[in-house]
Amino acid sequence: MGRPPVIPAEQKTRIVLSVLAGEMTIAEAARREKVSEQSIGRWKADFLEAGRTALAAGRSGPSTREQQLEAEIADLTQALGEAAVELRVWKKSAEGRLGPSRTSR
């Protein structure tokens, strides 16, 4: 017996939501997607358990991804500030050697 087809999470979610909405039975979904009924049942159970876990945890603060993005923004903001200061120093240094630039009137 061959391996079952690899079904992306997005498609599994669509299938589970269709089953939960009563649009099709687990058996119908299994036939249509060419997977076992046990697979559909497991996807459904996993989906519901993840939902329960998320609701129990609540939103007490920013997600890990949000924290990563905020840290990245802070790093980039600092780097931008340092680059701006460095650019000013270079411009002042060049003016001293070359005279005032045409753009700094």
PDB file of N, CA and C in Angstrom:
ATOM      1  N   MET A   1       0.846  -1.190   0.000  1.00  0.00           N
ATOM      2  CA  MET A   1       0.000   0.000   0.000  1.00  0.00           C
ATOM      3  C   MET A   1       0.884   1.244   0.000  1.00  0.00           C
ATOM      4  N   GLY A   2       0.573   2.215  -0.852  1.00  0.00           N
ATOM      5  CA  GLY A   2       1.368   3.431  -0.989  1.00  0.00           C
ATOM      6  C   GLY A   2       1.077   4.428   0.109  1.00  0.00           C
ATOM      7  N   ARG A   3       1.906   5.434   0.136  1.00  0.00           N
ATOM      8  CA  ARG A   3       1.722   6.509   1.112  1.00  0.00           C
ATOM      9  C   ARG A   3       0.488   7.320   0.767  1.00  0.00           C
ATOM     10  N   PRO A   4      -0.200   7.821   1.784  1.00  0.00           N
ATOM     11  CA  PRO A   4      -1.343   8.700   1.512  1.00  0.00           C
ATOM     12  C   PRO A   4      -0.849  10.013   0.917  1.00  0.00           C
ATOM     13  N   PRO A   5      -1.697  10.685   0.166  1.00  0.00           N
ATOM     14  CA  PRO A   5      -1.277  11.953  -0.432  1.00  0.00           C
ATOM     15  C   PRO A   5      -0.995  13.003   0.649  1.00  0.00           C
ATOM     16  N   VAL A   6      -0.060  13.870   0.357  1.00  0.00           N
ATOM     17  CA  VAL A   6       0.252  14.962   1.282  1.00  0.00           C
ATOM     18  C   VAL A   6      -0.747  16.082   1.007  1.00  0.00           C
ATOM     19  N   ILE A   7      -1.534  16.396   2.019  1.00  0.00           N
ATOM     20  CA  ILE A   7      -2.573  17.422   1.871  1.00  0.00           C
ATOM     21  C   ILE A   7      -2.161  18.625   2.713  1.00  0.00           C
ATOM     22  N   PRO A   8      -2.103  19.796   2.103  1.00  0.00           N
ATOM     23  CA  PRO A   8      -1.704  21.000   2.837  1.00  0.00           C
ATOM     24  C   PRO A   8      -2.679  21.324   3.980  1.00  0.00           C
ATOM     25  N   ALA A   9      -2.158  21.971   5.008  1.00  0.00           N
ATOM     26  CA  ALA A   9      -2.968  22.320   6.180  1.00  0.00           C
ATOM     27  C   ALA A   9      -4.185  23.164   5.797  1.00  0.00           C
ATOM     28  N   GLU A  10      -4.010  24.060   4.829  1.00  0.00           N
ATOM     29  CA  GLU A  10      -5.118  24.921   4.400  1.00  0.00           C
ATOM     30  C   GLU A  10      -6.280  24.083   3.850  1.00  0.00           C
ATOM     31  N   GLN A  11      -5.940  23.064   3.078  1.00  0.00           N
ATOM     32  CA  GLN A  11      -6.970  22.206   2.505  1.00  0.00           C
ATOM     33  C   GLN A  11      -7.610  21.340   3.595  1.00  0.00           C
ATOM     34  N   LYS A  12      -6.805  20.851   4.541  1.00  0.00           N
ATOM     35  CA  LYS A  12      -7.344  20.066   5.650  1.00  0.00           C
ATOM     36  C   LYS A  12      -8.351  20.909   6.442  1.00  0.00           C
ATOM     37  N   THR A  13      -7.998  22.166   6.664  1.00  0.00           N
ATOM     38  CA  THR A  13      -8.887  23.067   7.404  1.00  0.00           C
ATOM     39  C   THR A  13     -10.210  23.226   6.673  1.00  0.00           C
ATOM     40  N   ARG A  14     -10.146  23.429   5.352  1.00  0.00           N
ATOM     41  CA  ARG A  14     -11.368  23.560   4.557  1.00  0.00           C
ATOM     42  C   ARG A  14     -12.234  22.307   4.665  1.00  0.00           C
ATOM     43  N   ILE A  15     -11.589  21.137   4.613  1.00  0.00           N
ATOM     44  CA  ILE A  15     -12.314  19.869   4.695  1.00  0.00           C
ATOM     45  C   ILE A  15     -12.980  19.738   6.057  1.00  0.00           C
ATOM     46  N   VAL A  16     -12.216  20.002   7.115  1.00  0.00           N
ATOM     47  CA  VAL A  16     -12.763  19.881   8.483  1.00  0.00           C
ATOM     48  C   VAL A  16     -13.920  20.853   8.681  1.00  0.00           C
ATOM     49  N   LEU A  17     -13.778  22.072   8.206  1.00  0.00           N
ATOM     50  CA  LEU A  17     -14.863  23.044   8.358  1.00  0.00           C
ATOM     51  C   LEU A  17     -16.116  22.597   7.597  1.00  0.00           C
ATOM     52  N   SER A  18     -15.926  21.978   6.440  1.00  0.00           N
ATOM     53  CA  SER A  18     -17.074  21.461   5.682  1.00  0.00           C
ATOM     54  C   SER A  18     -17.774  20.354   6.450  1.00  0.00           C
ATOM     55  N   VAL A  19     -16.993  19.488   7.075  1.00  0.00           N
ATOM     56  CA  VAL A  19     -17.577  18.400   7.882  1.00  0.00           C
ATOM     57  C   VAL A  19     -18.302  18.991   9.087  1.00  0.00           C
ATOM     58  N   LEU A  20     -17.664  19.933   9.778  1.00  0.00           N
ATOM     59  CA  LEU A  20     -18.292  20.540  10.964  1.00  0.00           C
ATOM     60  C   LEU A  20     -19.565  21.302  10.608  1.00  0.00           C
ATOM     61  N   ALA A  21     -19.590  21.906   9.423  1.00  0.00           N
ATOM     62  CA  ALA A  21     -20.767  22.664   8.998  1.00  0.00           C
ATOM     63  C   ALA A  21     -21.883  21.752   8.502  1.00  0.00           C
ATOM     64  N   GLY A  22     -21.587  20.458   8.379  1.00  0.00           N
ATOM     65  CA  GLY A  22     -22.601  19.516   7.918  1.00  0.00           C
ATOM     66  C   GLY A  22     -22.764  19.499   6.408  1.00  0.00           C
ATOM     67  N   GLU A  23     -21.837  20.105   5.702  1.00  0.00           N
ATOM     68  CA  GLU A  23     -21.909  20.127   4.246  1.00  0.00           C
ATOM     69  C   GLU A  23     -21.606  18.759   3.649  1.00  0.00           C
ATOM     70  N   MET A  24     -20.819  17.954   4.378  1.00  0.00           N
ATOM     71  CA  MET A  24     -20.522  16.584   3.950  1.00  0.00           C
ATOM     72  C   MET A  24     -20.167  15.758   5.176  1.00  0.00           C
ATOM     73  N   THR A  25     -20.295  14.463   5.036  1.00  0.00           N
ATOM     74  CA  THR A  25     -19.944  13.569   6.138  1.00  0.00           C
ATOM     75  C   THR A  25     -18.456  13.261   6.068  1.00  0.00           C
ATOM     76  N   ILE A  26     -17.953  12.665   7.134  1.00  0.00           N
ATOM     77  CA  ILE A  26     -16.553  12.258   7.144  1.00  0.00           C
ATOM     78  C   ILE A  26     -16.303  11.254   6.024  1.00  0.00           C
ATOM     79  N   ALA A  27     -17.237  10.329   5.821  1.00  0.00           N
ATOM     80  CA  ALA A  27     -17.081   9.320   4.770  1.00  0.00           C
ATOM     81  C   ALA A  27     -17.033   9.973   3.382  1.00  0.00           C
ATOM     82  N   GLU A  28     -17.900  10.947   3.153  1.00  0.00           N
ATOM     83  CA  GLU A  28     -17.901  11.644   1.865  1.00  0.00           C
ATOM     84  C   GLU A  28     -16.580  12.400   1.652  1.00  0.00           C
ATOM     85  N   ALA A  29     -16.123  13.070   2.691  1.00  0.00           N
ATOM     86  CA  ALA A  29     -14.873  13.818   2.595  1.00  0.00           C
ATOM     87  C   ALA A  29     -13.704  12.875   2.318  1.00  0.00           C
ATOM     88  N   ALA A  30     -13.697  11.723   2.986  1.00  0.00           N
ATOM     89  CA  ALA A  30     -12.618  10.752   2.787  1.00  0.00           C
ATOM     90  C   ALA A  30     -12.606  10.240   1.351  1.00  0.00           C
ATOM     91  N   ARG A  31     -13.768   9.921   0.821  1.00  0.00           N
ATOM     92  CA  ARG A  31     -13.844   9.455  -0.576  1.00  0.00           C
ATOM     93  C   ARG A  31     -13.379  10.551  -1.536  1.00  0.00           C
ATOM     94  N   ARG A  32     -13.856  11.741  -1.324  1.00  0.00           N
ATOM     95  CA  ARG A  32     -13.534  12.854  -2.222  1.00  0.00           C
ATOM     96  C   ARG A  32     -12.027  13.164  -2.216  1.00  0.00           C
ATOM     97  N   GLU A  33     -11.421  13.119  -1.052  1.00  0.00           N
ATOM     98  CA  GLU A  33     -10.003  13.479  -0.920  1.00  0.00           C
ATOM     99  C   GLU A  33      -9.063  12.283  -1.052  1.00  0.00           C
ATOM    100  N   LYS A  34      -9.660  11.079  -1.172  1.00  0.00           N
ATOM    101  CA  LYS A  34      -8.877   9.844  -1.317  1.00  0.00           C
ATOM    102  C   LYS A  34      -7.949   9.597  -0.124  1.00  0.00           C
ATOM    103  N   VAL A  35      -8.505   9.804   1.071  1.00  0.00           N
ATOM    104  CA  VAL A  35      -7.807   9.497   2.324  1.00  0.00           C
ATOM    105  C   VAL A  35      -8.749   8.670   3.187  1.00  0.00           C
ATOM    106  N   SER A  36      -8.233   8.129   4.272  1.00  0.00           N
ATOM    107  CA  SER A  36      -9.074   7.300   5.143  1.00  0.00           C
ATOM    108  C   SER A  36     -10.002   8.161   5.996  1.00  0.00           C
ATOM    109  N   GLU A  37     -11.074   7.547   6.426  1.00  0.00           N
ATOM    110  CA  GLU A  37     -11.994   8.235   7.344  1.00  0.00           C
ATOM    111  C   GLU A  37     -11.281   8.553   8.650  1.00  0.00           C
ATOM    112  N   GLN A  38     -10.347   7.678   9.050  1.00  0.00           N
ATOM    113  CA  GLN A  38      -9.594   7.912  10.281  1.00  0.00           C
ATOM    114  C   GLN A  38      -8.765   9.198  10.163  1.00  0.00           C
ATOM    115  N   SER A  39      -8.219   9.439   8.968  1.00  0.00           N
ATOM    116  CA  SER A  39      -7.436  10.668   8.776  1.00  0.00           C
ATOM    117  C   SER A  39      -8.306  11.900   8.964  1.00  0.00           C
ATOM    118  N   ILE A  40      -9.486  11.886   8.326  1.00  0.00           N
ATOM    119  CA  ILE A  40     -10.398  13.026   8.461  1.00  0.00           C
ATOM    120  C   ILE A  40     -10.804  13.193   9.925  1.00  0.00           C
ATOM    121  N   GLY A  41     -11.097  12.093  10.588  1.00  0.00           N
ATOM    122  CA  GLY A  41     -11.477  12.141  12.005  1.00  0.00           C
ATOM    123  C   GLY A  41     -10.363  12.703  12.869  1.00  0.00           C
ATOM    124  N   ARG A  42      -9.131  12.321  12.558  1.00  0.00           N
ATOM    125  CA  ARG A  42      -7.979  12.823  13.322  1.00  0.00           C
ATOM    126  C   ARG A  42      -7.793  14.324  13.064  1.00  0.00           C
ATOM    127  N   TRP A  43      -7.941  14.749  11.801  1.00  0.00           N
ATOM    128  CA  TRP A  43      -7.834  16.183  11.494  1.00  0.00           C
ATOM    129  C   TRP A  43      -8.881  16.970  12.268  1.00  0.00           C
ATOM    130  N   LYS A  44     -10.083  16.433  12.303  1.00  0.00           N
ATOM    131  CA  LYS A  44     -11.186  17.101  13.014  1.00  0.00           C
ATOM    132  C   LYS A  44     -10.871  17.201  14.503  1.00  0.00           C
ATOM    133  N   ALA A  45     -10.412  16.102  15.093  1.00  0.00           N
ATOM    134  CA  ALA A  45     -10.081  16.095  16.522  1.00  0.00           C
ATOM    135  C   ALA A  45      -8.942  17.071  16.821  1.00  0.00           C
ATOM    136  N   ASP A  46      -7.906  17.065  15.970  1.00  0.00           N
ATOM    137  CA  ASP A  46      -6.778  17.985  16.156  1.00  0.00           C
ATOM    138  C   ASP A  46      -7.239  19.441  16.063  1.00  0.00           C
ATOM    139  N   PHE A  47      -8.091  19.712  15.088  1.00  0.00           N
ATOM    140  CA  PHE A  47      -8.623  21.061  14.870  1.00  0.00           C
ATOM    141  C   PHE A  47      -9.390  21.535  16.105  1.00  0.00           C
ATOM    142  N   LEU A  48     -10.267  20.679  16.602  1.00  0.00           N
ATOM    143  CA  LEU A  48     -11.077  21.058  17.770  1.00  0.00           C
ATOM    144  C   LEU A  48     -10.211  21.216  19.020  1.00  0.00           C
ATOM    145  N   GLU A  49      -9.220  20.345  19.191  1.00  0.00           N
ATOM    146  CA  GLU A  49      -8.346  20.445  20.360  1.00  0.00           C
ATOM    147  C   GLU A  49      -7.522  21.732  20.313  1.00  0.00           C
ATOM    148  N   ALA A  50      -7.027  22.088  19.140  1.00  0.00           N
ATOM    149  CA  ALA A  50      -6.260  23.329  19.013  1.00  0.00           C
ATOM    150  C   ALA A  50      -7.143  24.530  19.333  1.00  0.00           C
ATOM    151  N   GLY A  51      -8.391  24.484  18.916  1.00  0.00           N
ATOM    152  CA  GLY A  51      -9.324  25.565  19.231  1.00  0.00           C
ATOM    153  C   GLY A  51      -9.567  25.674  20.722  1.00  0.00           C
ATOM    154  N   ARG A  52      -9.758  24.527  21.380  1.00  0.00           N
ATOM    155  CA  ARG A  52      -9.957  24.523  22.841  1.00  0.00           C
ATOM    156  C   ARG A  52      -8.736  25.101  23.546  1.00  0.00           C
ATOM    157  N   THR A  53      -7.562  24.683  23.109  1.00  0.00           N
ATOM    158  CA  THR A  53      -6.313  25.160  23.720  1.00  0.00           C
ATOM    159  C   THR A  53      -6.175  26.672  23.551  1.00  0.00           C
ATOM    160  N   ALA A  54      -6.480  27.152  22.350  1.00  0.00           N
ATOM    161  CA  ALA A  54      -6.369  28.592  22.087  1.00  0.00           C
ATOM    162  C   ALA A  54      -7.347  29.380  22.950  1.00  0.00           C
ATOM    163  N   LEU A  55      -8.555  28.870  23.083  1.00  0.00           N
ATOM    164  CA  LEU A  55      -9.550  29.582  23.896  1.00  0.00           C
ATOM    165  C   LEU A  55      -9.199  29.548  25.373  1.00  0.00           C
ATOM    166  N   ALA A  56      -8.638  28.447  25.826  1.00  0.00           N
ATOM    167  CA  ALA A  56      -8.251  28.342  27.232  1.00  0.00           C
ATOM    168  C   ALA A  56      -7.084  29.280  27.543  1.00  0.00           C
ATOM    169  N   ALA A  57      -6.155  29.413  26.598  1.00  0.00           N
ATOM    170  CA  ALA A  57      -4.983  30.257  26.811  1.00  0.00           C
ATOM    171  C   ALA A  57      -5.354  31.732  26.767  1.00  0.00           C
ATOM    172  N   GLY A  58      -6.323  32.075  25.930  1.00  0.00           N
ATOM    173  CA  GLY A  58      -6.718  33.475  25.796  1.00  0.00           C
ATOM    174  C   GLY A  58      -5.632  34.306  25.153  1.00  0.00           C
ATOM    175  N   ARG A  59      -5.866  35.589  25.085  1.00  0.00           N
ATOM    176  CA  ARG A  59      -4.886  36.524  24.518  1.00  0.00           C
ATOM    177  C   ARG A  59      -4.336  37.373  25.654  1.00  0.00           C
ATOM    178  N   SER A  60      -3.381  36.827  26.405  1.00  0.00           N
ATOM    179  CA  SER A  60      -2.844  37.564  27.536  1.00  0.00           C
ATOM    180  C   SER A  60      -1.762  38.559  27.123  1.00  0.00           C
ATOM    181  N   GLY A  61      -1.244  38.426  25.911  1.00  0.00           N
ATOM    182  CA  GLY A  61      -0.201  39.340  25.461  1.00  0.00           C
ATOM    183  C   GLY A  61       0.127  39.071  24.015  1.00  0.00           C
ATOM    184  N   PRO A  62       1.148  39.743  23.531  1.00  0.00           N
ATOM    185  CA  PRO A  62       1.501  39.554  22.123  1.00  0.00           C
ATOM    186  C   PRO A  62       2.030  38.140  21.865  1.00  0.00           C
ATOM    187  N   SER A  63       1.782  37.646  20.668  1.00  0.00           N
ATOM    188  CA  SER A  63       2.261  36.317  20.301  1.00  0.00           C
ATOM    189  C   SER A  63       3.773  36.352  20.134  1.00  0.00           C
ATOM    190  N   THR A  64       4.363  35.178  20.052  1.00  0.00           N
ATOM    191  CA  THR A  64       5.806  35.083  19.859  1.00  0.00           C
ATOM    192  C   THR A  64       6.209  35.786  18.574  1.00  0.00           C
ATOM    193  N   ARG A  65       5.429  35.605  17.513  1.00  0.00           N
ATOM    194  CA  ARG A  65       5.740  36.240  16.233  1.00  0.00           C
ATOM    195  C   ARG A  65       5.681  37.763  16.362  1.00  0.00           C
ATOM    196  N   GLU A  66       4.669  38.267  17.081  1.00  0.00           N
ATOM    197  CA  GLU A  66       4.568  39.713  17.285  1.00  0.00           C
ATOM    198  C   GLU A  66       5.775  40.235  18.058  1.00  0.00           C
ATOM    199  N   GLN A  67       6.218  39.486  19.061  1.00  0.00           N
ATOM    200  CA  GLN A  67       7.388  39.885  19.839  1.00  0.00           C
ATOM    201  C   GLN A  67       8.632  39.907  18.958  1.00  0.00           C
ATOM    202  N   GLN A  68       8.766  38.911  18.076  1.00  0.00           N
ATOM    203  CA  GLN A  68       9.911  38.875  17.163  1.00  0.00           C
ATOM    204  C   GLN A  68       9.896  40.096  16.250  1.00  0.00           C
ATOM    205  N   LEU A  69       8.716  40.418  15.713  1.00  0.00           N
ATOM    206  CA  LEU A  69       8.612  41.555  14.805  1.00  0.00           C
ATOM    207  C   LEU A  69       8.903  42.871  15.527  1.00  0.00           C
ATOM    208  N   GLU A  70       8.424  43.008  16.755  1.00  0.00           N
ATOM    209  CA  GLU A  70       8.695  44.225  17.522  1.00  0.00           C
ATOM    210  C   GLU A  70      10.185  44.378  17.801  1.00  0.00           C
ATOM    211  N   ALA A  71      10.856  43.272  18.121  1.00  0.00           N
ATOM    212  CA  ALA A  71      12.303  43.323  18.359  1.00  0.00           C
ATOM    213  C   ALA A  71      13.043  43.690  17.072  1.00  0.00           C
ATOM    214  N   GLU A  72      12.591  43.135  15.948  1.00  0.00           N
ATOM    215  CA  GLU A  72      13.208  43.448  14.667  1.00  0.00           C
ATOM    216  C   GLU A  72      13.016  44.927  14.313  1.00  0.00           C
ATOM    217  N   ILE A  73      11.835  45.452  14.577  1.00  0.00           N
ATOM    218  CA  ILE A  73      11.567  46.875  14.320  1.00  0.00           C
ATOM    219  C   ILE A  73      12.493  47.745  15.164  1.00  0.00           C
ATOM    220  N   ALA A  74      12.663  47.387  16.428  1.00  0.00           N
ATOM    221  CA  ALA A  74      13.543  48.156  17.306  1.00  0.00           C
ATOM    222  C   ALA A  74      14.977  48.127  16.792  1.00  0.00           C
ATOM    223  N   ASP A  75      15.446  46.945  16.368  1.00  0.00           N
ATOM    224  CA  ASP A  75      16.807  46.830  15.834  1.00  0.00           C
ATOM    225  C   ASP A  75      16.977  47.668  14.569  1.00  0.00           C
ATOM    226  N   LEU A  76      16.007  47.588  13.670  1.00  0.00           N
ATOM    227  CA  LEU A  76      16.089  48.333  12.423  1.00  0.00           C
ATOM    228  C   LEU A  76      16.014  49.843  12.655  1.00  0.00           C
ATOM    229  N   THR A  77      15.180  50.269  13.603  1.00  0.00           N
ATOM    230  CA  THR A  77      15.076  51.688  13.936  1.00  0.00           C
ATOM    231  C   THR A  77      16.402  52.204  14.475  1.00  0.00           C
ATOM    232  N   GLN A  78      17.027  51.412  15.340  1.00  0.00           N
ATOM    233  CA  GLN A  78      18.325  51.808  15.889  1.00  0.00           C
ATOM    234  C   GLN A  78      19.372  51.871  14.778  1.00  0.00           C
ATOM    235  N   ALA A  79      19.387  50.882  13.894  1.00  0.00           N
ATOM    236  CA  ALA A  79      20.360  50.867  12.798  1.00  0.00           C
ATOM    237  C   ALA A  79      20.154  52.071  11.878  1.00  0.00           C
ATOM    238  N   LEU A  80      18.894  52.404  11.611  1.00  0.00           N
ATOM    239  CA  LEU A  80      18.595  53.559  10.768  1.00  0.00           C
ATOM    240  C   LEU A  80      19.091  54.852  11.418  1.00  0.00           C
ATOM    241  N   GLY A  81      18.878  54.989  12.701  1.00  0.00           N
ATOM    242  CA  GLY A  81      19.352  56.168  13.424  1.00  0.00           C
ATOM    243  C   GLY A  81      20.868  56.280  13.385  1.00  0.00           C
ATOM    244  N   GLU A  82      21.544  55.152  13.579  1.00  0.00           N
ATOM    245  CA  GLU A  82      23.004  55.151  13.536  1.00  0.00           C
ATOM    246  C   GLU A  82      23.503  55.516  12.136  1.00  0.00           C
ATOM    247  N   ALA A  83      22.834  54.997  11.109  1.00  0.00           N
ATOM    248  CA  ALA A  83      23.228  55.311   9.732  1.00  0.00           C
ATOM    249  C   ALA A  83      23.026  56.794   9.439  1.00  0.00           C
ATOM    250  N   ALA A  84      21.936  57.369   9.952  1.00  0.00           N
ATOM    251  CA  ALA A  84      21.674  58.795   9.726  1.00  0.00           C
ATOM    252  C   ALA A  84      22.762  59.647  10.382  1.00  0.00           C
ATOM    253  N   VAL A  85      23.166  59.291  11.600  1.00  0.00           N
ATOM    254  CA  VAL A  85      24.226  60.031  12.290  1.00  0.00           C
ATOM    255  C   VAL A  85      25.537  59.900  11.526  1.00  0.00           C
ATOM    256  N   GLU A  86      25.837  58.688  11.089  1.00  0.00           N
ATOM    257  CA  GLU A  86      27.061  58.451  10.333  1.00  0.00           C
ATOM    258  C   GLU A  86      27.081  59.267   9.044  1.00  0.00           C
ATOM    259  N   LEU A  87      25.946  59.347   8.369  1.00  0.00           N
ATOM    260  CA  LEU A  87      25.841  60.119   7.136  1.00  0.00           C
ATOM    261  C   LEU A  87      26.096  61.604   7.400  1.00  0.00           C
ATOM    262  N   ARG A  88      25.539  62.127   8.497  1.00  0.00           N
ATOM    263  CA  ARG A  88      25.769  63.532   8.845  1.00  0.00           C
ATOM    264  C   ARG A  88      27.247  63.795   9.093  1.00  0.00           C
ATOM    265  N   VAL A  89      27.894  62.866   9.806  1.00  0.00           N
ATOM    266  CA  VAL A  89      29.323  63.025  10.091  1.00  0.00           C
ATOM    267  C   VAL A  89      30.110  63.022   8.793  1.00  0.00           C
ATOM    268  N   TRP A  90      29.788  62.139   7.882  1.00  0.00           N
ATOM    269  CA  TRP A  90      30.474  62.083   6.586  1.00  0.00           C
ATOM    270  C   TRP A  90      30.273  63.375   5.814  1.00  0.00           C
ATOM    271  N   LYS A  91      29.046  63.895   5.815  1.00  0.00           N
ATOM    272  CA  LYS A  91      28.766  65.134   5.094  1.00  0.00           C
ATOM    273  C   LYS A  91      29.566  66.285   5.686  1.00  0.00           C
ATOM    274  N   LYS A  92      29.595  66.394   7.004  1.00  0.00           N
ATOM    275  CA  LYS A  92      30.343  67.482   7.659  1.00  0.00           C
ATOM    276  C   LYS A  92      31.832  67.356   7.344  1.00  0.00           C
ATOM    277  N   SER A  93      32.320  66.120   7.354  1.00  0.00           N
ATOM    278  CA  SER A  93      33.723  65.873   7.066  1.00  0.00           C
ATOM    279  C   SER A  93      34.044  66.268   5.627  1.00  0.00           C
ATOM    280  N   ALA A  94      33.166  65.935   4.701  1.00  0.00           N
ATOM    281  CA  ALA A  94      33.375  66.262   3.285  1.00  0.00           C
ATOM    282  C   ALA A  94      33.297  67.766   3.071  1.00  0.00           C
ATOM    283  N   GLU A  95      32.409  68.463   3.762  1.00  0.00           N
ATOM    284  CA  GLU A  95      32.298  69.926   3.615  1.00  0.00           C
ATOM    285  C   GLU A  95      33.578  70.602   4.068  1.00  0.00           C
ATOM    286  N   GLY A  96      34.168  70.092   5.109  1.00  0.00           N
ATOM    287  CA  GLY A  96      35.408  70.672   5.618  1.00  0.00           C
ATOM    288  C   GLY A  96      36.535  70.552   4.616  1.00  0.00           C
ATOM    289  N   ARG A  97      36.568  69.453   3.881  1.00  0.00           N
ATOM    290  CA  ARG A  97      37.635  69.230   2.913  1.00  0.00           C
ATOM    291  C   ARG A  97      37.330  69.832   1.546  1.00  0.00           C
ATOM    292  N   LEU A  98      36.054  69.842   1.164  1.00  0.00           N
ATOM    293  CA  LEU A  98      35.691  70.237  -0.197  1.00  0.00           C
ATOM    294  C   LEU A  98      34.931  71.550  -0.271  1.00  0.00           C
ATOM    295  N   GLY A  99      34.633  72.130   0.817  1.00  0.00           N
ATOM    296  CA  GLY A  99      33.801  73.336   0.823  1.00  0.00           C
ATOM    297  C   GLY A  99      32.341  72.933   0.894  1.00  0.00           C
ATOM    298  N   PRO A 100      31.448  73.893   1.019  1.00  0.00           N
ATOM    299  CA  PRO A 100      30.022  73.557   1.146  1.00  0.00           C
ATOM    300  C   PRO A 100      29.503  72.838  -0.090  1.00  0.00           C
ATOM    301  N   SER A 101      28.654  71.861   0.120  1.00  0.00           N
ATOM    302  CA  SER A 101      28.087  71.127  -1.012  1.00  0.00           C
ATOM    303  C   SER A 101      26.971  71.928  -1.647  1.00  0.00           C
ATOM    304  N   ARG A 102      26.648  71.609  -2.869  1.00  0.00           N
ATOM    305  CA  ARG A 102      25.588  72.325  -3.574  1.00  0.00           C
ATOM    306  C   ARG A 102      24.229  72.097  -2.958  1.00  0.00           C
ATOM    307  N   THR A 103      24.061  70.948  -2.285  1.00  0.00           N
ATOM    308  CA  THR A 103      22.744  70.626  -1.712  1.00  0.00           C
ATOM    309  C   THR A 103      22.559  71.203  -0.328  1.00  0.00           C
ATOM    310  N   SER A 104      23.602  71.650   0.330  1.00  0.00           N
ATOM    311  CA  SER A 104      23.447  72.169   1.693  1.00  0.00           C
ATOM    312  C   SER A 104      23.449  73.689   1.699  1.00  0.00           C
ATOM    313  N   ARG A 105      22.451  74.271   1.171  1.00  0.00           N
ATOM    314  CA  ARG A 105      22.387  75.737   1.080  1.00  0.00           C
ATOM    315  C   ARG A 105      21.648  76.313   2.224  1.00  0.00           C
TER     316      ARG A 105
END
